[in-house]
PDB file of N, CA and C in Angstrom:
ATOM      1  N   MET A   1     -42.165  43.764  41.597  1.00  0.00           N
ATOM      2  CA  MET A   1     -42.704  43.510  40.273  1.00  0.00           C
ATOM      3  C   MET A   1     -43.914  42.581  40.387  1.00  0.00           C
ATOM      4  N   ASP A   2     -45.056  43.002  39.861  1.00  0.00           N
ATOM      5  CA  ASP A   2     -46.280  42.216  39.909  1.00  0.00           C
ATOM      6  C   ASP A   2     -46.426  41.401  38.626  1.00  0.00           C
ATOM      7  N   CYS A   3     -46.195  40.097  38.713  1.00  0.00           N
ATOM      8  CA  CYS A   3     -46.335  39.216  37.553  1.00  0.00           C
ATOM      9  C   CYS A   3     -47.169  38.007  37.952  1.00  0.00           C
ATOM     10  N   ASP A   4     -47.939  37.536  37.028  1.00  0.00           N
ATOM     11  CA  ASP A   4     -48.631  36.273  37.236  1.00  0.00           C
ATOM     12  C   ASP A   4     -47.691  35.163  36.809  1.00  0.00           C
ATOM     13  N   TYR A   5     -47.489  34.212  37.675  1.00  0.00           N
ATOM     14  CA  TYR A   5     -46.641  33.089  37.341  1.00  0.00           C
ATOM     15  C   TYR A   5     -47.146  31.856  38.066  1.00  0.00           C
ATOM     16  N   PHE A   6     -46.705  30.726  37.574  1.00  0.00           N
ATOM     17  CA  PHE A   6     -47.090  29.476  38.203  1.00  0.00           C
ATOM     18  C   PHE A   6     -46.075  29.144  39.277  1.00  0.00           C
ATOM     19  N   ASP A   7     -46.548  28.892  40.473  1.00  0.00           N
ATOM     20  CA  ASP A   7     -45.670  28.572  41.587  1.00  0.00           C
ATOM     21  C   ASP A   7     -45.418  27.062  41.603  1.00  0.00           C
ATOM     22  N   PHE A   8     -44.227  26.660  41.170  1.00  0.00           N
ATOM     23  CA  PHE A   8     -43.897  25.240  41.096  1.00  0.00           C
ATOM     24  C   PHE A   8     -43.582  24.639  42.460  1.00  0.00           C
ATOM     25  N   THR A   9     -43.545  25.445  43.492  1.00  0.00           N
ATOM     26  CA  THR A   9     -43.231  24.921  44.817  1.00  0.00           C
ATOM     27  C   THR A   9     -44.457  24.364  45.527  1.00  0.00           C
ATOM     28  N   THR A  10     -45.668  24.672  45.028  1.00  0.00           N
ATOM     29  CA  THR A  10     -46.868  24.136  45.671  1.00  0.00           C
ATOM     30  C   THR A  10     -47.039  22.677  45.289  1.00  0.00           C
ATOM     31  N   LYS A  11     -47.498  21.895  46.220  1.00  0.00           N
ATOM     32  CA  LYS A  11     -47.698  20.476  45.978  1.00  0.00           C
ATOM     33  C   LYS A  11     -49.137  20.252  45.536  1.00  0.00           C
ATOM     34  N   GLU A  12     -49.302  19.530  44.463  1.00  0.00           N
ATOM     35  CA  GLU A  12     -50.637  19.238  43.946  1.00  0.00           C
ATOM     36  C   GLU A  12     -51.330  18.228  44.856  1.00  0.00           C
ATOM     37  N   GLU A  13     -52.614  18.463  45.124  1.00  0.00           N
ATOM     38  CA  GLU A  13     -53.390  17.554  45.971  1.00  0.00           C
ATOM     39  C   GLU A  13     -53.780  16.326  45.145  1.00  0.00           C
ATOM     40  N   LEU A  14     -53.273  15.176  45.541  1.00  0.00           N
ATOM     41  CA  LEU A  14     -53.607  13.925  44.876  1.00  0.00           C
ATOM     42  C   LEU A  14     -54.222  12.985  45.908  1.00  0.00           C
ATOM     43  N   PRO A  15     -54.990  11.989  45.464  1.00  0.00           N
ATOM     44  CA  PRO A  15     -55.685  11.116  46.420  1.00  0.00           C
ATOM     45  C   PRO A  15     -54.718  10.318  47.291  1.00  0.00           C
ATOM     46  N   GLU A  16     -55.191   9.968  48.476  1.00  0.00           N
ATOM     47  CA  GLU A  16     -54.413   9.148  49.402  1.00  0.00           C
ATOM     48  C   GLU A  16     -54.243   7.746  48.824  1.00  0.00           C
ATOM     49  N   GLU A  17     -53.206   7.054  49.267  1.00  0.00           N
ATOM     50  CA  GLU A  17     -52.936   5.703  48.778  1.00  0.00           C
ATOM     51  C   GLU A  17     -54.071   4.726  49.092  1.00  0.00           C
ATOM     52  N   HIS A  18     -54.525   4.696  50.331  1.00  0.00           N
ATOM     53  CA  HIS A  18     -55.502   3.698  50.753  1.00  0.00           C
ATOM     54  C   HIS A  18     -56.771   4.348  51.282  1.00  0.00           C
ATOM     55  N   SER A  19     -57.412   5.127  50.471  1.00  0.00           N
ATOM     56  CA  SER A  19     -58.651   5.760  50.874  1.00  0.00           C
ATOM     57  C   SER A  19     -59.824   4.941  50.339  1.00  0.00           C
ATOM     58  N   GLU A  20     -60.958   5.012  51.019  1.00  0.00           N
ATOM     59  CA  GLU A  20     -62.139   4.277  50.562  1.00  0.00           C
ATOM     60  C   GLU A  20     -62.734   4.895  49.298  1.00  0.00           C
ATOM     61  N   ASP A  21     -62.397   6.153  49.022  1.00  0.00           N
ATOM     62  CA  ASP A  21     -62.949   6.850  47.871  1.00  0.00           C
ATOM     63  C   ASP A  21     -62.069   6.739  46.641  1.00  0.00           C
ATOM     64  N   THR A  22     -61.129   5.819  46.635  1.00  0.00           N
ATOM     65  CA  THR A  22     -60.225   5.684  45.492  1.00  0.00           C
ATOM     66  C   THR A  22     -60.325   4.293  44.892  1.00  0.00           C
ATOM     67  N   ARG A  23     -59.824   4.201  43.686  1.00  0.00           N
ATOM     68  CA  ARG A  23     -59.677   2.909  43.020  1.00  0.00           C
ATOM     69  C   ARG A  23     -58.381   2.948  42.223  1.00  0.00           C
ATOM     70  N   GLU A  24     -57.981   1.851  41.672  1.00  0.00           N
ATOM     71  CA  GLU A  24     -56.719   1.770  40.953  1.00  0.00           C
ATOM     72  C   GLU A  24     -56.933   2.041  39.469  1.00  0.00           C
ATOM     73  N   CYS A  25     -56.052   2.871  38.900  1.00  0.00           N
ATOM     74  CA  CYS A  25     -56.102   3.117  37.459  1.00  0.00           C
ATOM     75  C   CYS A  25     -55.729   1.823  36.739  1.00  0.00           C
ATOM     76  N   PRO A  26     -56.514   1.387  35.740  1.00  0.00           N
ATOM     77  CA  PRO A  26     -56.190   0.145  35.043  1.00  0.00           C
ATOM     78  C   PRO A  26     -54.950   0.258  34.158  1.00  0.00           C
ATOM     79  N   HIS A  27     -54.500   1.487  33.886  1.00  0.00           N
ATOM     80  CA  HIS A  27     -53.356   1.687  33.001  1.00  0.00           C
ATOM     81  C   HIS A  27     -52.038   1.815  33.768  1.00  0.00           C
ATOM     82  N   CYS A  28     -51.989   2.718  34.756  1.00  0.00           N
ATOM     83  CA  CYS A  28     -50.731   2.969  35.474  1.00  0.00           C
ATOM     84  C   CYS A  28     -50.732   2.413  36.895  1.00  0.00           C
ATOM     85  N   LYS A  29     -51.865   1.866  37.342  1.00  0.00           N
ATOM     86  CA  LYS A  29     -52.009   1.224  38.654  1.00  0.00           C
ATOM     87  C   LYS A  29     -51.862   2.174  39.844  1.00  0.00           C
ATOM     88  N   LYS A  30     -52.013   3.471  39.642  1.00  0.00           N
ATOM     89  CA  LYS A  30     -51.937   4.427  40.745  1.00  0.00           C
ATOM     90  C   LYS A  30     -53.346   4.723  41.251  1.00  0.00           C
ATOM     91  N   PRO A  31     -53.475   5.164  42.518  1.00  0.00           N
ATOM     92  CA  PRO A  31     -54.812   5.428  43.077  1.00  0.00           C
ATOM     93  C   PRO A  31     -55.420   6.702  42.502  1.00  0.00           C
ATOM     94  N   ILE A  32     -56.675   6.607  42.108  1.00  0.00           N
ATOM     95  CA  ILE A  32     -57.420   7.755  41.578  1.00  0.00           C
ATOM     96  C   ILE A  32     -58.765   7.811  42.283  1.00  0.00           C
ATOM     97  N   PRO A  33     -59.434   8.969  42.284  1.00  0.00           N
ATOM     98  CA  PRO A  33     -60.774   9.030  42.885  1.00  0.00           C
ATOM     99  C   PRO A  33     -61.716   8.030  42.209  1.00  0.00           C
ATOM    100  N   ALA A  34     -62.605   7.450  42.978  1.00  0.00           N
ATOM    101  CA  ALA A  34     -63.487   6.397  42.480  1.00  0.00           C
ATOM    102  C   ALA A  34     -64.397   6.870  41.356  1.00  0.00           C
ATOM    103  N   ASP A  35     -64.753   8.159  41.327  1.00  0.00           N
ATOM    104  CA  ASP A  35     -65.670   8.654  40.303  1.00  0.00           C
ATOM    105  C   ASP A  35     -64.961   9.352  39.144  1.00  0.00           C
ATOM    106  N   SER A  36     -63.643   9.165  39.010  1.00  0.00           N
ATOM    107  CA  SER A  36     -62.879   9.813  37.937  1.00  0.00           C
ATOM    108  C   SER A  36     -63.206   9.214  36.577  1.00  0.00           C
ATOM    109  N   LEU A  37     -63.197  10.053  35.570  1.00  0.00           N
ATOM    110  CA  LEU A  37     -63.335   9.591  34.198  1.00  0.00           C
ATOM    111  C   LEU A  37     -61.974   9.469  33.531  1.00  0.00           C
ATOM    112  N   PHE A  38     -60.983  10.220  34.049  1.00  0.00           N
ATOM    113  CA  PHE A  38     -59.615  10.183  33.527  1.00  0.00           C
ATOM    114  C   PHE A  38     -58.649  10.040  34.694  1.00  0.00           C
ATOM    115  N   CYS A  39     -57.522   9.382  34.464  1.00  0.00           N
ATOM    116  CA  CYS A  39     -56.506   9.217  35.495  1.00  0.00           C
ATOM    117  C   CYS A  39     -55.773  10.536  35.706  1.00  0.00           C
ATOM    118  N   LEU A  40     -55.542  10.900  36.971  1.00  0.00           N
ATOM    119  CA  LEU A  40     -54.825  12.132  37.295  1.00  0.00           C
ATOM    120  C   LEU A  40     -53.341  12.023  36.990  1.00  0.00           C
ATOM    121  N   TYR A  41     -52.823  10.819  36.857  1.00  0.00           N
ATOM    122  CA  TYR A  41     -51.400  10.610  36.659  1.00  0.00           C
ATOM    123  C   TYR A  41     -51.041  10.417  35.183  1.00  0.00           C
ATOM    124  N   CYS A  42     -51.687   9.450  34.538  1.00  0.00           N
ATOM    125  CA  CYS A  42     -51.321   9.141  33.145  1.00  0.00           C
ATOM    126  C   CYS A  42     -52.245   9.805  32.128  1.00  0.00           C
ATOM    127  N   GLY A  43     -53.422  10.277  32.560  1.00  0.00           N
ATOM    128  CA  GLY A  43     -54.324  10.981  31.659  1.00  0.00           C
ATOM    129  C   GLY A  43     -55.216  10.081  30.825  1.00  0.00           C
ATOM    130  N   GLU A  44     -55.085   8.778  30.983  1.00  0.00           N
ATOM    131  CA  GLU A  44     -55.904   7.842  30.207  1.00  0.00           C
ATOM    132  C   GLU A  44     -57.344   7.833  30.714  1.00  0.00           C
ATOM    133  N   ALA A  45     -58.264   7.562  29.815  1.00  0.00           N
ATOM    134  CA  ALA A  45     -59.671   7.455  30.196  1.00  0.00           C
ATOM    135  C   ALA A  45     -59.884   6.155  30.960  1.00  0.00           C
ATOM    136  N   VAL A  46     -60.640   6.233  32.035  1.00  0.00           N
ATOM    137  CA  VAL A  46     -60.983   5.036  32.802  1.00  0.00           C
ATOM    138  C   VAL A  46     -62.497   4.897  32.792  1.00  0.00           C
ATOM    139  N   SER A  47     -62.953   3.683  32.588  1.00  0.00           N
ATOM    140  CA  SER A  47     -64.396   3.478  32.517  1.00  0.00           C
ATOM    141  C   SER A  47     -64.975   3.417  33.920  1.00  0.00           C
ATOM    142  N   PRO A  48     -66.175   3.937  34.093  1.00  0.00           N
ATOM    143  CA  PRO A  48     -66.814   3.841  35.407  1.00  0.00           C
ATOM    144  C   PRO A  48     -67.165   2.392  35.708  1.00  0.00           C
ATOM    145  N   SER A  49     -67.484   2.130  36.932  1.00  0.00           N
ATOM    146  CA  SER A  49     -67.855   0.780  37.338  1.00  0.00           C
ATOM    147  C   SER A  49     -69.024   0.304  36.489  1.00  0.00           C
ATOM    148  N   ASN A  50     -68.907  -0.894  35.943  1.00  0.00           N
ATOM    149  CA  ASN A  50     -69.946  -1.372  35.026  1.00  0.00           C
ATOM    150  C   ASN A  50     -70.923  -2.336  35.680  1.00  0.00           C
ATOM    151  N   LYS A  51     -70.973  -2.396  37.006  1.00  0.00           N
ATOM    152  CA  LYS A  51     -71.927  -3.279  37.675  1.00  0.00           C
ATOM    153  C   LYS A  51     -73.359  -2.863  37.361  1.00  0.00           C
ATOM    154  N   LYS A  52     -73.616  -1.561  37.303  1.00  0.00           N
ATOM    155  CA  LYS A  52     -74.962  -1.085  36.981  1.00  0.00           C
ATOM    156  C   LYS A  52     -75.315  -1.431  35.545  1.00  0.00           C
ATOM    157  N   ASN A  53     -74.344  -1.368  34.634  1.00  0.00           N
ATOM    158  CA  ASN A  53     -74.599  -1.690  33.233  1.00  0.00           C
ATOM    159  C   ASN A  53     -74.968  -3.159  33.055  1.00  0.00           C
ATOM    160  N   ILE A  54     -74.333  -4.032  33.810  1.00  0.00           N
ATOM    161  CA  ILE A  54     -74.625  -5.460  33.708  1.00  0.00           C
ATOM    162  C   ILE A  54     -76.055  -5.738  34.173  1.00  0.00           C
ATOM    163  N   TRP A  55     -76.454  -5.136  35.292  1.00  0.00           N
ATOM    164  CA  TRP A  55     -77.820  -5.331  35.786  1.00  0.00           C
ATOM    165  C   TRP A  55     -78.848  -4.739  34.832  1.00  0.00           C
ATOM    166  N   ALA A  56     -78.553  -3.607  34.241  1.00  0.00           N
ATOM    167  CA  ALA A  56     -79.488  -3.000  33.292  1.00  0.00           C
ATOM    168  C   ALA A  56     -79.645  -3.883  32.057  1.00  0.00           C
ATOM    169  N   ALA A  57     -78.551  -4.436  31.549  1.00  0.00           N
ATOM    170  CA  ALA A  57     -78.613  -5.320  30.387  1.00  0.00           C
ATOM    171  C   ALA A  57     -79.393  -6.592  30.717  1.00  0.00           C
ATOM    172  N   ALA A  58     -79.162  -7.144  31.897  1.00  0.00           N
ATOM    173  CA  ALA A  58     -79.886  -8.349  32.300  1.00  0.00           C
ATOM    174  C   ALA A  58     -81.384  -8.074  32.419  1.00  0.00           C
ATOM    175  N   LEU A  59     -81.743  -6.927  32.951  1.00  0.00           N
ATOM    176  CA  LEU A  59     -83.153  -6.567  33.084  1.00  0.00           C
ATOM    177  C   LEU A  59     -83.814  -6.404  31.714  1.00  0.00           C
ATOM    178  N   VAL A  60     -83.126  -5.754  30.797  1.00  0.00           N
ATOM    179  CA  VAL A  60     -83.674  -5.563  29.447  1.00  0.00           C
ATOM    180  C   VAL A  60     -83.877  -6.915  28.758  1.00  0.00           C
ATOM    181  N   ILE A  61     -82.909  -7.801  28.878  1.00  0.00           N
ATOM    182  CA  ILE A  61     -83.027  -9.128  28.264  1.00  0.00           C
ATOM    183  C   ILE A  61     -84.184  -9.904  28.881  1.00  0.00           C
ATOM    184  N   PHE A  62     -84.331  -9.848  30.204  1.00  0.00           N
ATOM    185  CA  PHE A  62     -85.423 -10.540  30.878  1.00  0.00           C
ATOM    186  C   PHE A  62     -86.779 -10.019  30.410  1.00  0.00           C
ATOM    187  N   VAL A  63     -86.925  -8.710  30.337  1.00  0.00           N
ATOM    188  CA  VAL A  63     -88.194  -8.115  29.894  1.00  0.00           C
ATOM    189  C   VAL A  63     -88.487  -8.490  28.449  1.00  0.00           C
ATOM    190  N   LEU A  64     -87.461  -8.484  27.613  1.00  0.00           N
ATOM    191  CA  LEU A  64     -87.655  -8.848  26.205  1.00  0.00           C
ATOM    192  C   LEU A  64     -88.092 -10.309  26.073  1.00  0.00           C
ATOM    193  N   ILE A  65     -87.456 -11.206  26.806  1.00  0.00           N
ATOM    194  CA  ILE A  65     -87.842 -12.621  26.754  1.00  0.00           C
ATOM    195  C   ILE A  65     -89.261 -12.817  27.284  1.00  0.00           C
ATOM    196  N   ALA A  66     -89.610 -12.133  28.369  1.00  0.00           N
ATOM    197  CA  ALA A  66     -90.962 -12.245  28.917  1.00  0.00           C
ATOM    198  C   ALA A  66     -91.998 -11.736  27.912  1.00  0.00           C
ATOM    199  N   PHE A  67     -91.688 -10.641  27.238  1.00  0.00           N
ATOM    200  CA  PHE A  67     -92.605 -10.087  26.239  1.00  0.00           C
ATOM    201  C   PHE A  67     -92.783 -11.050  25.073  1.00  0.00           C
ATOM    202  N   LEU A  68     -91.688 -11.624  24.588  1.00  0.00           N
ATOM    203  CA  LEU A  68     -91.783 -12.571  23.469  1.00  0.00           C
ATOM    204  C   LEU A  68     -92.555 -13.827  23.864  1.00  0.00           C
ATOM    205  N   CYS A  69     -92.354 -14.315  25.083  1.00  0.00           N
ATOM    206  CA  CYS A  69     -93.116 -15.475  25.553  1.00  0.00           C
ATOM    207  C   CYS A  69     -94.601 -15.137  25.633  1.00  0.00           C
ATOM    208  N   TRP A  70     -94.935 -13.975  26.109  1.00  0.00           N
ATOM    209  CA  TRP A  70     -96.323 -13.546  26.222  1.00  0.00           C
ATOM    210  C   TRP A  70     -96.980 -13.467  24.834  1.00  0.00           C
ATOM    211  N   ILE A  71     -96.242 -12.968  23.840  1.00  0.00           N
ATOM    212  CA  ILE A  71     -96.792 -12.866  22.471  1.00  0.00           C
ATOM    213  C   ILE A  71     -97.045 -14.247  21.887  1.00  0.00           C
ATOM    214  N   PHE A  72     -96.095 -15.183  22.022  1.00  0.00           N
ATOM    215  CA  PHE A  72     -96.229 -16.486  21.395  1.00  0.00           C
ATOM    216  C   PHE A  72     -97.199 -17.401  22.125  1.00  0.00           C
ATOM    217  N   ILE A  73     -97.462 -17.165  23.391  1.00  0.00           N
ATOM    218  CA  ILE A  73     -98.410 -17.992  24.140  1.00  0.00           C
ATOM    219  C   ILE A  73     -99.845 -17.660  23.742  1.00  0.00           C
ATOM    220  N   GLN A  74    -100.114 -16.425  23.413  1.00  0.00           N
ATOM    221  CA  GLN A  74    -101.494 -16.033  23.080  1.00  0.00           C
ATOM    222  C   GLN A  74    -101.933 -16.556  21.771  1.00  0.00           C
TER     223      GLN A  74
END
């Protein structure tokens, strides 16, 4: 009999415990790929690393302050 069915005996590929390409889910504390947007285990959204966002915000603030100083000095 030819039927399409889901084979529950196959093991799902999940990230290794201590791989360099993983990070910890902030919700369930299990290892997930470093570039994941959602946890593979609990399904919660995880935010990407915000180090780039902090530097971008600092740069924008610096440029804005420099521009305002330049305007008021003239």
